[in-house]
Structures are given as C-alpha cells and as structure tokens.
C-alpha cells in the first residue's frame, strides 16, 4: 500500500510512516490486502484497543497521543509602543503559540506581516521559521560617512544625482549589465539546491536595490559629540544610506524552505501556516540555516557594492560607517538557554551595539547604540513602521504632488511610488521615544536626495 491509499483510509499525514511500517510487518507475516486494510480501519476506529498490536501498535499509539494532545497556552510577549493594530497583535499571539517558543517581543513600529508581524521578535528552541526571518532574508541598513562638505549636496546636486542613478539599479528583477565583483561570490553556494541554482542570478543582481521600501539616499549626518566608535568628531557630515537585502535569491530560499516546513507541520498545528518551522536537527533545517547565513553575507556584499560604486562615481572616500541586518535569525543565549532569535523587522540592540533605524523619505534616520534590554531580547524597532497599506496609499496619494512638496522643503526624491510617501508611515520621533529604554540616539541623518523604485511593486 502506498501513501495515497493510506490517506484514503483516513491515516493522518503525520502517522503515515508508522502506517507504512505496519503494512510492511503485516505483509511479512503473510497478511493480505483486505486483511491489512481491515486491520488499519479497526486501528483508526479504536486505536486504544490496538496499542499492543504486533503490526499497527505504533500507529495506534500515535493516534492515541494525537487524540489526547492539548496545545499549550501561548507564551506572553513584551510590547513597546501603543499604536499597534489588533491584527498585528493577533499575529504575535499565534507566533507565541508555537510549541518551542520561549520568548517574544513586539517593537513600536510593528505592523501586519506574513506569519509574524514586521517588528516582531521570536525566540525558539532548536527551530527556525523561514517566514519569521522574512522573504527578504537579511534585509539591512548601511550608512557610510563621506569626506564631502555638506554644502556640496546643493552646489553639486547633479553630481550626487548621477551617482545614485548610475551606482545601483531599482525595480523587480533589476540587474547590473556587467556583473560586479565581490568575494561573496567565491563562497560555497552549494550549501542548498536553491543557492546553487540561483548563484548566477544573484551575481547579476549584486549591487542592486530592488523594489518596495528599498532606497539609497544622500543626507546630512549630525553628530552632537565626538563618537569614539566611529572615530568622528562632533559636526555635520554627508552620508550615504541604503536599505535592501538579498534580492530574488533570498526570496527563493524563503519560499522553498517555508514550503518544506509547511508540508511537515503536525496536524495539531496546521493553522499556523506561514509560521511553519524546521528543526535544526533535520537536514532541511540545517540547509536553510546555511542558506540563510549565505544570504546574510550576500546582502552585506550587496550594500558594499552599492556604496563602493556610488561613492566612486561621486569621487568621495568613505571615512566611517554603521550597518546591521533587521530580517534574520541568530543563535543567542537568553534566560540561560541557547535559542534561535528571529528578528523580523527588528534591529539588534545588544549593549553597546551600533545600528541604523530609518524614518521615511522626509523624516530622519538615527544611528543608535543598544542598551542591552533583555526584555526585548536585545532588540529595537527597524524603522517607523507602516500605518497604511500600499493599496490605500496608492488610492489616496499622488506621488508627483508629494514630490513637489518635498522639494520645496529641501528634499529631492528622484523616484518612488505613492505607496512610499512619508504619510504612510508612523511618526519616527514617537517610535524612538517609545523605545528609549532599548537604544540611545548617537546621531541623526536627514535625507536630502532620495532614490527608490517607481515600479509600484512590493519587495520588502
């Protein structure tokens, strides 16, 4: 008998292995087709009567265990900020119901995502959830301080504009005409079938920014006092800020391994959908972990190439910088346990750790230093957070009108979509105030020249 026939008899997917083994034992004892089918049917009807059966005892035990299973109550989570909608809270509660969940937190920029909210932090024991890392694995921030006077942003605007236009590429599927060089392409891309098959595409997309809320922009960085970690004196600097991740290859890794995880969900957890997990004791879990970390290196290289190309076109030198992932999973220790901390749209904020939290095309970004608050699992917000859907934004706002208004305020947006105008985001100042126990502000970055995709598609 095959799995299709067993399913027709009513054997649950998570009991198929035990049923097949029972069929093999029964066949070895000379039981025939009808006898085996009747035995399985009886086991399914009265499993408690067959736990000692020489053929289907294991199937019976699994059925008894499943019938008596009671899902544990969700763990609790800490929350920062109050402007968080009920749907987002519901998503977080479901994430906290996973059987291996041991810690969770919700950041003040939180809004509804896929599986876990964007702005959600989830600690699991020995398991990883691909969608709690995100489709855009290792989406991240990178800020580079340049040796350029701030008045040049206005005096030589066209030079800055040309550097942004030619230094990267925007849009779904965007590539460089000539693949860019970087040591990341010499790493082992055979860690999974997906990364092996997508390596050439990843190489073509290296140094590109994609779509959605991804951006590259110039602005003024204000440092109120000398910063030893950056080796910079107090003052104002021109800085280059970028936001993007692992492009199409990262998305393929997420989709592939999330589908594998969903196919293995225990029946009692079929409702969690995109929160399907992979055990790190399994080959698929180890493959995803290796692929995820490769995508982390690739995303960092992607930003490195963008900053290299843009600064070279500008004729500037990079003198300092800060960067961090905010869609990733890390092996950390919390509460005396080794756990996997998923930060889906959340910035690492361990004690003394520097990071970048952006606002919008019209609002400031901040270099921050983590305070190491254990209640947030050493995490902070990753940005302002959306307060309006992309569809609603496109219906309500005209990008050209917003673009003109921003130019009157000294912010030149070279391209973007109506779904990314400043008004679709929460107030970044309020978000920062809501997490003053998680991070301290080191410096403020005010955008001046902004480039985003205008293809109207989401690649967050």
Protein backbone atom coordinates (compact mmCIF):
# COMPACT_ATOMS: atom_id res chain seq x y z
CA UNK A 1 0.00 0.00 0.00
CA UNK A 2 1.20 3.49 -0.79
CA UNK A 3 0.65 6.81 0.97
CA UNK A 4 -2.25 7.77 -1.31
CA UNK A 5 -4.14 4.59 -0.39
CA UNK A 6 -3.38 5.10 3.30
CA UNK A 7 -4.68 8.67 3.18
CA UNK A 8 -7.90 7.43 1.56
CA UNK A 9 -8.33 5.07 4.50
CA UNK A 10 -8.05 8.08 6.82
CA UNK A 11 -4.46 7.81 8.06
CA UNK A 12 -3.24 11.32 9.08
CA UNK A 13 -0.14 12.59 7.28
CA UNK A 14 1.95 12.66 10.46
CA UNK A 15 1.14 8.95 11.03
CA UNK A 16 1.94 7.73 7.51
CA UNK A 17 5.41 6.46 8.41
CA UNK A 18 4.05 4.32 11.26
CA UNK A 19 1.28 3.01 8.98
CA UNK A 20 3.72 2.04 6.20
CA UNK A 21 5.96 0.26 8.70
CA UNK A 22 2.91 -1.58 10.00
CA UNK A 23 1.93 -2.64 6.46
CA UNK A 24 5.44 -3.99 5.91
CA UNK A 25 5.31 -6.01 9.15
CA UNK A 26 1.84 -7.34 8.32
CA UNK A 27 2.89 -8.32 4.80
CA UNK A 28 5.95 -10.12 6.18
CA UNK A 29 3.56 -12.12 8.38
CA UNK A 30 1.56 -13.15 5.27
CA UNK A 31 -1.45 -10.90 5.85
CA UNK A 32 -3.10 -9.96 2.57
CA UNK A 33 -4.53 -6.73 1.17
CA UNK A 34 -8.08 -6.97 2.54
CA UNK A 35 -6.86 -8.17 5.93
CA UNK A 36 -4.38 -5.30 6.17
CA UNK A 37 -6.98 -2.71 5.16
CA UNK A 38 -9.44 -4.06 7.74
CA UNK A 39 -6.75 -4.02 10.43
CA UNK A 40 -5.88 -0.40 9.63
CA UNK A 41 -9.56 0.58 9.64
CA UNK A 42 -10.05 -1.03 13.05
CA UNK A 43 -6.94 0.70 14.39
CA UNK A 44 -8.20 4.06 13.16
CA UNK A 45 -11.65 3.46 14.74
CA UNK A 46 -10.45 2.14 18.13
CA UNK A 47 -6.74 2.98 18.46
CA UNK A 48 -6.66 2.33 22.23
CA UNK A 49 -7.56 -1.35 21.55
CA UNK A 50 -4.57 -1.79 19.23
CA UNK A 51 -1.62 -0.26 21.09
CA UNK A 52 -0.24 -3.79 21.65
CA UNK A 53 -0.93 -4.93 18.09
CA UNK A 54 2.23 -6.55 16.59
CA UNK A 55 1.73 -4.76 13.29
CA UNK A 56 -0.02 -1.44 13.90
CA UNK A 57 0.79 -0.83 17.56
CA UNK A 58 2.94 2.22 16.80
CA UNK A 59 0.23 3.69 14.55
CA UNK A 60 -2.29 3.16 17.36
CA UNK A 61 -0.02 4.84 19.93
CA UNK A 62 0.45 7.87 17.67
CA UNK A 63 -3.31 8.11 17.14
CA UNK A 64 -3.95 7.92 20.89
CA UNK A 65 -1.34 10.60 21.57
CA UNK A 66 -2.84 12.85 18.88
CA UNK A 67 -6.35 12.46 20.32
CA UNK A 68 -5.16 13.42 23.80
CA UNK A 69 -2.95 16.28 22.64
CA UNK A 70 -3.71 19.68 24.14
CA UNK A 71 -1.87 22.67 22.69
CA UNK A 72 -0.06 24.61 25.40
CA UNK A 73 -1.15 28.18 26.04
CA UNK A 74 0.82 30.81 24.10
CA UNK A 75 3.75 32.38 25.90
CA UNK A 76 3.46 36.07 26.76
CA UNK A 77 5.32 38.83 24.97
CA UNK A 78 6.56 42.30 25.86
CA UNK A 79 5.37 45.27 23.80
CA UNK A 80 6.78 48.72 23.13
CA UNK A 81 4.55 51.48 21.78
CA UNK A 82 0.77 51.73 21.68
CA UNK A 83 0.00 52.40 18.01
CA UNK A 84 -0.31 48.72 17.08
CA UNK A 85 -3.45 47.36 15.43
CA UNK A 86 -5.42 44.28 16.61
CA UNK A 87 -4.49 42.17 13.54
CA UNK A 88 -0.83 42.64 14.38
CA UNK A 89 -1.45 41.60 17.99
CA UNK A 90 -3.30 38.51 16.75
CA UNK A 91 -0.35 37.52 14.57
CA UNK A 92 2.00 37.90 17.51
CA UNK A 93 -0.16 35.75 19.77
CA UNK A 94 -0.22 33.00 17.14
CA UNK A 95 3.59 33.15 16.84
CA UNK A 96 3.77 32.79 20.62
CA UNK A 97 1.70 29.59 20.38
CA UNK A 98 4.44 27.60 18.60
CA UNK A 99 5.44 24.65 20.80
CA UNK A 100 9.11 25.61 21.01
CA UNK A 101 8.56 29.35 21.67
CA UNK A 102 10.40 30.59 24.76
CA UNK A 103 10.48 34.38 24.31
CA UNK A 104 8.91 37.15 22.26
CA UNK A 105 8.67 40.92 21.92
CA UNK A 106 6.85 43.44 19.74
CA UNK A 107 8.55 46.65 18.67
CA UNK A 108 6.85 50.10 18.43
CA UNK A 109 6.99 50.12 14.61
CA UNK A 110 5.09 46.82 14.40
CA UNK A 111 2.54 46.20 11.65
CA UNK A 112 0.99 43.16 9.97
CA UNK A 113 3.36 40.94 8.02
CA UNK A 114 3.43 37.37 6.74
CA UNK A 115 3.33 34.89 9.61
CA UNK A 116 4.93 37.02 12.30
CA UNK A 117 4.37 40.79 12.39
CA UNK A 118 7.01 43.09 10.97
CA UNK A 119 8.55 44.40 14.16
CA UNK A 120 8.16 41.00 15.83
CA UNK A 121 10.92 39.21 17.76
CA UNK A 122 10.59 35.49 18.48
CA UNK A 123 12.95 33.14 20.33
CA UNK A 124 12.59 29.40 19.63
CA UNK A 125 14.44 26.39 20.97
CA UNK A 126 16.31 24.48 18.26
CA UNK A 127 13.99 25.53 15.42
CA UNK A 128 13.81 28.18 12.72
CA UNK A 129 10.76 29.67 10.98
CA UNK A 130 11.65 30.86 7.45
CA UNK A 131 8.83 33.41 7.36
CA UNK A 132 9.85 34.77 10.79
CA UNK A 133 13.13 35.67 9.11
CA UNK A 134 11.28 37.01 6.09
CA UNK A 135 11.11 36.78 2.33
CA UNK A 136 13.89 39.33 2.00
CA UNK A 137 16.47 37.46 4.07
CA UNK A 138 18.99 39.83 5.67
CA UNK A 139 17.21 42.98 4.61
CA UNK A 140 19.50 45.51 6.23
CA UNK A 141 20.76 49.07 6.63
CA UNK A 142 24.14 50.52 5.76
CA UNK A 143 25.31 54.09 6.40
CA UNK A 144 28.64 55.41 5.11
CA UNK A 145 30.09 58.76 6.14
CA UNK A 146 31.84 60.54 3.25
CA UNK A 147 34.67 63.08 3.07
CA UNK A 148 32.45 65.65 1.33
CA UNK A 149 31.34 69.05 2.60
CA UNK A 150 27.61 69.30 3.30
CA UNK A 151 27.14 72.36 1.07
CA UNK A 152 28.01 70.18 -1.93
CA UNK A 153 24.62 68.48 -1.69
CA UNK A 154 23.12 71.68 -3.08
CA UNK A 155 26.03 73.13 -5.04
CA UNK A 156 26.76 69.88 -6.90
CA UNK A 157 23.29 68.32 -6.81
CA UNK A 158 23.57 66.85 -10.32
CA UNK A 159 26.78 65.06 -9.39
CA UNK A 160 25.03 63.39 -6.44
CA UNK A 161 22.00 62.62 -8.60
CA UNK A 162 24.16 60.96 -11.27
CA UNK A 163 25.93 58.87 -8.64
CA UNK A 164 22.60 57.49 -7.39
CA UNK A 165 21.17 56.95 -10.85
CA UNK A 166 24.22 55.04 -12.10
CA UNK A 167 25.54 53.45 -8.91
CA UNK A 168 22.71 50.96 -8.38
CA UNK A 169 19.57 49.61 -10.06
CA UNK A 170 15.97 49.66 -8.84
CA UNK A 171 12.90 47.60 -9.70
CA UNK A 172 11.76 43.98 -9.55
CA UNK A 173 14.30 41.75 -11.30
CA UNK A 174 16.81 44.59 -11.76
CA UNK A 175 20.39 43.61 -12.61
CA UNK A 176 23.71 45.23 -13.46
CA UNK A 177 24.58 44.98 -17.15
CA UNK A 178 28.07 43.90 -16.08
CA UNK A 179 28.13 41.60 -13.03
CA UNK A 180 30.01 43.18 -10.15
CA UNK A 181 32.91 41.55 -8.38
CA UNK A 182 32.92 40.67 -4.68
CA UNK A 183 34.48 37.85 -2.58
CA UNK A 184 30.98 36.67 -1.56
CA UNK A 185 30.61 35.06 -4.98
CA UNK A 186 33.61 32.82 -4.14
CA UNK A 187 31.87 31.36 -1.11
CA UNK A 188 30.23 27.92 -1.15
CA UNK A 189 26.93 28.39 -2.98
CA UNK A 190 26.25 24.64 -2.98
CA UNK A 191 25.00 24.67 0.64
CA UNK A 192 21.48 24.17 -0.76
CA UNK A 193 19.90 23.40 -4.10
CA UNK A 194 18.31 26.85 -4.21
CA UNK A 195 21.52 28.81 -3.69
CA UNK A 196 23.36 26.61 -6.17
CA UNK A 197 20.72 27.13 -8.87
CA UNK A 198 20.33 30.86 -8.18
CA UNK A 199 24.01 31.74 -7.95
CA UNK A 200 24.23 33.28 -11.45
CA UNK A 201 21.09 35.34 -10.87
CA UNK A 202 22.45 36.51 -7.52
CA UNK A 203 25.66 37.59 -9.21
CA UNK A 204 23.76 39.64 -11.81
CA UNK A 205 21.73 41.29 -9.04
CA UNK A 206 24.74 42.04 -6.82
CA UNK A 207 24.82 45.78 -6.18
CA UNK A 208 21.13 46.37 -6.97
CA UNK A 209 18.40 47.70 -4.70
CA UNK A 210 15.18 46.06 -5.86
CA UNK A 211 11.77 47.49 -5.07
CA UNK A 212 9.24 48.06 -2.28
CA UNK A 213 10.60 50.21 0.55
CA UNK A 214 14.22 49.82 -0.52
CA UNK A 215 16.15 53.03 -1.07
CA UNK A 216 19.54 54.67 -1.50
CA UNK A 217 19.87 58.29 -0.39
CA UNK A 218 22.28 61.07 0.47
CA UNK A 219 21.75 63.24 3.52
CA UNK A 220 23.29 65.17 6.36
CA UNK A 221 24.50 63.27 9.42
CA UNK A 222 24.55 65.36 12.60
CA UNK A 223 26.82 64.12 15.37
CA UNK A 224 26.30 66.15 18.59
CA UNK A 225 29.51 64.96 20.23
CA UNK A 226 32.64 63.03 19.37
CA UNK A 227 31.88 59.39 18.71
CA UNK A 228 34.76 57.09 19.57
CA UNK A 229 33.32 54.00 17.89
CA UNK A 230 33.08 55.89 14.59
CA UNK A 231 36.28 57.89 15.15
CA UNK A 232 34.38 61.06 14.21
CA UNK A 233 34.33 64.48 15.86
CA UNK A 234 31.09 66.32 16.55
CA UNK A 235 29.74 68.07 13.48
CA UNK A 236 27.80 67.63 10.26
CA UNK A 237 28.78 65.15 7.56
CA UNK A 238 27.49 63.99 4.18
CA UNK A 239 26.39 60.36 4.48
CA UNK A 240 25.10 57.68 2.13
CA UNK A 241 22.30 55.47 3.46
CA UNK A 242 20.90 52.32 1.83
CA UNK A 243 18.16 49.81 2.62
CA UNK A 244 17.83 46.49 0.77
CA UNK A 245 18.50 42.79 1.19
CA UNK A 246 19.23 39.53 -0.62
CA UNK A 247 17.02 40.16 -3.65
CA UNK A 248 15.49 37.29 -5.66
CA UNK A 249 17.74 34.57 -4.29
CA UNK A 250 16.78 35.31 -0.69
CA UNK A 251 13.11 35.18 -1.64
CA UNK A 252 13.60 31.80 -3.34
CA UNK A 253 15.34 30.41 -0.25
CA UNK A 254 12.46 31.56 1.98
CA UNK A 255 9.73 30.18 -0.26
CA UNK A 256 11.45 26.83 -0.81
CA UNK A 257 12.11 26.06 2.83
CA UNK A 258 8.84 27.51 4.10
CA UNK A 259 7.01 25.13 1.75
CA UNK A 260 9.06 22.24 3.10
CA UNK A 261 8.21 23.31 6.65
CA UNK A 262 4.50 23.58 5.87
CA UNK A 263 4.48 20.09 4.37
CA UNK A 264 5.81 18.76 7.69
CA UNK A 265 3.51 20.61 10.07
CA UNK A 266 1.93 18.35 12.69
CA UNK A 267 -1.82 18.11 12.23
CA UNK A 268 -2.38 19.92 15.53
CA UNK A 269 -0.57 22.99 14.13
CA UNK A 270 -1.93 23.12 10.59
CA UNK A 271 -3.49 26.52 11.34
CA UNK A 272 -0.14 28.31 11.84
CA UNK A 273 0.51 28.33 8.07
CA UNK A 274 3.47 30.61 7.33
CA UNK A 275 4.76 30.11 10.87
CA UNK A 276 5.77 26.56 9.90
CA UNK A 277 9.12 25.66 11.39
CA UNK A 278 12.12 23.47 10.66
CA UNK A 279 14.00 21.63 13.37
CA UNK A 280 17.73 22.31 13.35
CA UNK A 281 18.19 18.58 14.00
CA UNK A 282 16.87 17.88 10.49
CA UNK A 283 18.73 18.16 7.18
CA UNK A 284 16.22 20.69 5.83
CA UNK A 285 16.71 22.88 8.90
CA UNK A 286 20.48 22.76 8.55
CA UNK A 287 20.24 23.52 4.83
CA UNK A 288 18.02 26.53 5.45
CA UNK A 289 20.35 27.78 8.20
CA UNK A 290 23.37 27.56 5.89
CA UNK A 291 21.47 29.22 3.03
CA UNK A 292 20.17 31.97 5.33
CA UNK A 293 23.68 32.78 6.53
CA UNK A 294 24.96 32.83 2.96
CA UNK A 295 22.15 35.27 2.12
CA UNK A 296 23.30 37.38 5.07
CA UNK A 297 26.78 37.59 3.60
CA UNK A 298 25.32 38.27 0.16
CA UNK A 299 23.08 41.09 1.39
CA UNK A 300 26.04 42.70 3.16
CA UNK A 301 28.04 42.39 -0.07
CA UNK A 302 25.14 43.90 -1.99
CA UNK A 303 25.30 47.05 0.14
CA UNK A 304 29.08 47.05 -0.02
CA UNK A 305 28.98 47.12 -3.83
CA UNK A 306 26.31 49.85 -3.87
CA UNK A 307 28.34 52.08 -1.55
CA UNK A 308 31.54 51.37 -3.45
CA UNK A 309 30.00 52.25 -6.81
CA UNK A 310 28.06 55.32 -5.64
CA UNK A 311 30.95 56.82 -3.67
CA UNK A 312 33.35 56.19 -6.58
CA UNK A 313 31.00 57.91 -9.04
CA UNK A 314 30.75 60.81 -6.61
CA UNK A 315 34.52 60.95 -6.22
CA UNK A 316 34.23 60.59 -2.46
CA UNK A 317 36.01 58.50 0.17
CA UNK A 318 34.22 56.53 2.90
CA UNK A 319 35.62 57.52 6.31
CA UNK A 320 33.24 55.71 8.72
CA UNK A 321 30.17 53.52 8.71
CA UNK A 322 27.46 51.55 10.52
CA UNK A 323 25.42 48.60 9.24
CA UNK A 324 23.07 45.90 10.50
CA UNK A 325 20.61 43.21 9.45
CA UNK A 326 16.97 43.54 10.54
CA UNK A 327 15.45 40.41 8.89
CA UNK A 328 17.46 37.49 10.24
CA UNK A 329 17.81 34.76 12.87
CA UNK A 330 20.69 34.50 15.31
CA UNK A 331 21.88 31.80 17.72
CA UNK A 332 21.93 33.54 21.09
CA UNK A 333 21.60 32.75 24.78
CA UNK A 334 18.67 34.14 26.77
CA UNK A 335 17.43 33.08 30.18
CA UNK A 336 20.25 30.56 30.39
CA UNK A 337 19.07 28.79 27.22
CA UNK A 338 20.55 28.51 23.75
CA UNK A 339 17.82 29.84 21.45
CA UNK A 340 17.21 30.99 17.89
CA UNK A 341 16.18 34.67 17.96
CA UNK A 342 14.18 35.73 14.89
CA UNK A 343 14.12 39.48 14.28
CA UNK A 344 11.57 40.19 11.56
CA UNK A 345 11.92 43.91 11.00
CA UNK A 346 13.80 44.47 14.27
CA UNK A 347 17.27 45.89 14.92
CA UNK A 348 19.82 44.06 17.12
CA UNK A 349 20.29 46.21 20.23
CA UNK A 350 22.73 44.42 22.48
CA UNK A 351 24.64 46.57 24.96
CA UNK A 352 26.93 48.92 23.01
CA UNK A 353 25.89 47.58 19.59
CA UNK A 354 25.53 50.27 16.91
CA UNK A 355 22.69 50.17 14.39
CA UNK A 356 20.67 52.31 11.99
CA UNK A 357 16.91 52.96 12.30
CA UNK A 358 15.41 54.87 9.31
CA UNK A 359 12.27 57.01 9.15
CA UNK A 360 10.90 57.83 5.70
CA UNK A 361 11.98 59.82 2.64
CA UNK A 362 11.08 63.01 4.51
CA UNK A 363 11.92 62.01 8.08
CA UNK A 364 15.22 61.41 9.85
CA UNK A 365 17.07 58.18 10.39
CA UNK A 366 19.12 57.57 13.51
CA UNK A 367 22.38 55.88 14.38
CA UNK A 368 21.64 54.19 17.70
CA UNK A 369 23.52 52.30 20.38
CA UNK A 370 21.80 49.36 22.03
CA UNK A 371 21.19 49.33 25.77
CA UNK A 372 21.02 45.53 26.06
CA UNK A 373 17.47 45.29 27.38
CA UNK A 374 16.82 41.59 27.93
CA UNK A 375 13.03 42.10 27.97
CA UNK A 376 13.14 42.92 24.24
CA UNK A 377 15.55 40.03 23.56
CA UNK A 378 18.18 42.73 22.86
CA UNK A 379 16.10 44.21 20.03
CA UNK A 380 14.68 47.54 18.87
CA UNK A 381 12.50 48.89 16.04
CA UNK A 382 13.80 48.73 12.47
CA UNK A 383 12.10 51.89 11.22
CA UNK A 384 8.97 54.00 11.54
CA UNK A 385 6.59 51.19 10.56
CA UNK A 386 3.69 51.43 8.15
CA UNK A 387 0.33 52.76 9.26
CA UNK A 388 -1.37 52.45 5.85
CA UNK A 389 -1.48 49.63 3.31
CA UNK A 390 0.16 50.04 -0.07
CA UNK A 391 -3.18 49.80 -1.86
CA UNK A 392 -4.75 52.50 0.31
CA UNK A 393 -1.70 54.73 -0.21
CA UNK A 394 -1.87 54.45 -4.00
CA UNK A 395 -5.55 55.35 -3.92
CA UNK A 396 -5.05 58.35 -1.64
CA UNK A 397 -1.79 60.00 -2.72
CA UNK A 398 -0.34 61.41 -5.92
CA UNK A 399 3.41 60.92 -5.92
CA UNK A 400 4.17 63.91 -8.18
CA UNK A 401 2.32 66.26 -5.84
CA UNK A 402 4.18 64.87 -2.83
CA UNK A 403 7.48 65.04 -4.71
CA UNK A 404 6.97 68.75 -5.43
CA UNK A 405 6.02 69.46 -1.81
CA UNK A 406 9.13 67.70 -0.53
CA UNK A 407 11.37 69.58 -2.96
CA UNK A 408 10.04 72.83 -1.51
CA UNK A 409 11.22 71.51 1.86
CA UNK A 410 14.72 70.75 0.55
CA UNK A 411 14.28 67.01 -0.09
CA UNK A 412 14.66 65.86 -3.69
CA UNK A 413 13.09 62.49 -4.44
CA UNK A 414 14.40 61.22 -7.78
CA UNK A 415 11.83 58.44 -8.00
CA UNK A 416 9.45 56.49 -5.77
CA UNK A 417 5.87 55.25 -5.66
CA UNK A 418 2.80 56.72 -3.99
CA UNK A 419 2.87 53.73 -1.61
CA UNK A 420 6.12 55.05 -0.08
CA UNK A 421 5.24 58.70 0.58
CA UNK A 422 6.01 59.88 4.14
CA UNK A 423 2.38 59.91 5.28
CA UNK A 424 2.04 56.11 5.08
CA UNK A 425 4.50 55.74 7.96
CA UNK A 426 4.23 56.23 11.70
CA UNK A 427 5.97 59.21 13.30
CA UNK A 428 9.61 58.16 13.70
CA UNK A 429 10.14 60.60 16.59
CA UNK A 430 7.31 58.95 18.52
CA UNK A 431 8.67 55.49 17.67
CA UNK A 432 12.10 56.47 19.01
CA UNK A 433 10.57 57.93 22.17
CA UNK A 434 8.67 54.68 22.77
CA UNK A 435 11.91 52.69 22.89
CA UNK A 436 14.25 54.95 24.83
CA UNK A 437 14.91 52.03 27.19
CA UNK A 438 16.13 49.93 24.24
CA UNK A 439 18.51 52.28 22.42
CA UNK A 440 20.17 55.66 22.80
CA UNK A 441 20.46 58.02 19.83
CA UNK A 442 24.04 58.62 18.70
CA UNK A 443 23.46 60.70 15.55
CA UNK A 444 20.68 61.95 13.28
CA UNK A 445 20.57 61.58 9.50
CA UNK A 446 18.32 63.91 7.48
CA UNK A 447 17.65 62.82 3.86
CA UNK A 448 18.34 65.29 1.06
CA UNK A 449 18.47 63.28 -2.20
CA UNK A 450 16.39 60.08 -2.34
CA UNK A 451 16.14 57.29 -4.90
CA UNK A 452 13.54 54.48 -4.71
CA UNK A 453 11.83 52.20 -7.19
CA UNK A 454 8.83 53.59 -9.05
CA UNK A 455 7.52 50.26 -10.38
CA UNK A 456 4.78 50.08 -7.75
CA UNK A 457 5.68 46.55 -6.65
CA UNK A 458 6.48 45.30 -3.21
CA UNK A 459 9.83 43.65 -2.49
CA UNK A 460 10.15 44.39 1.24
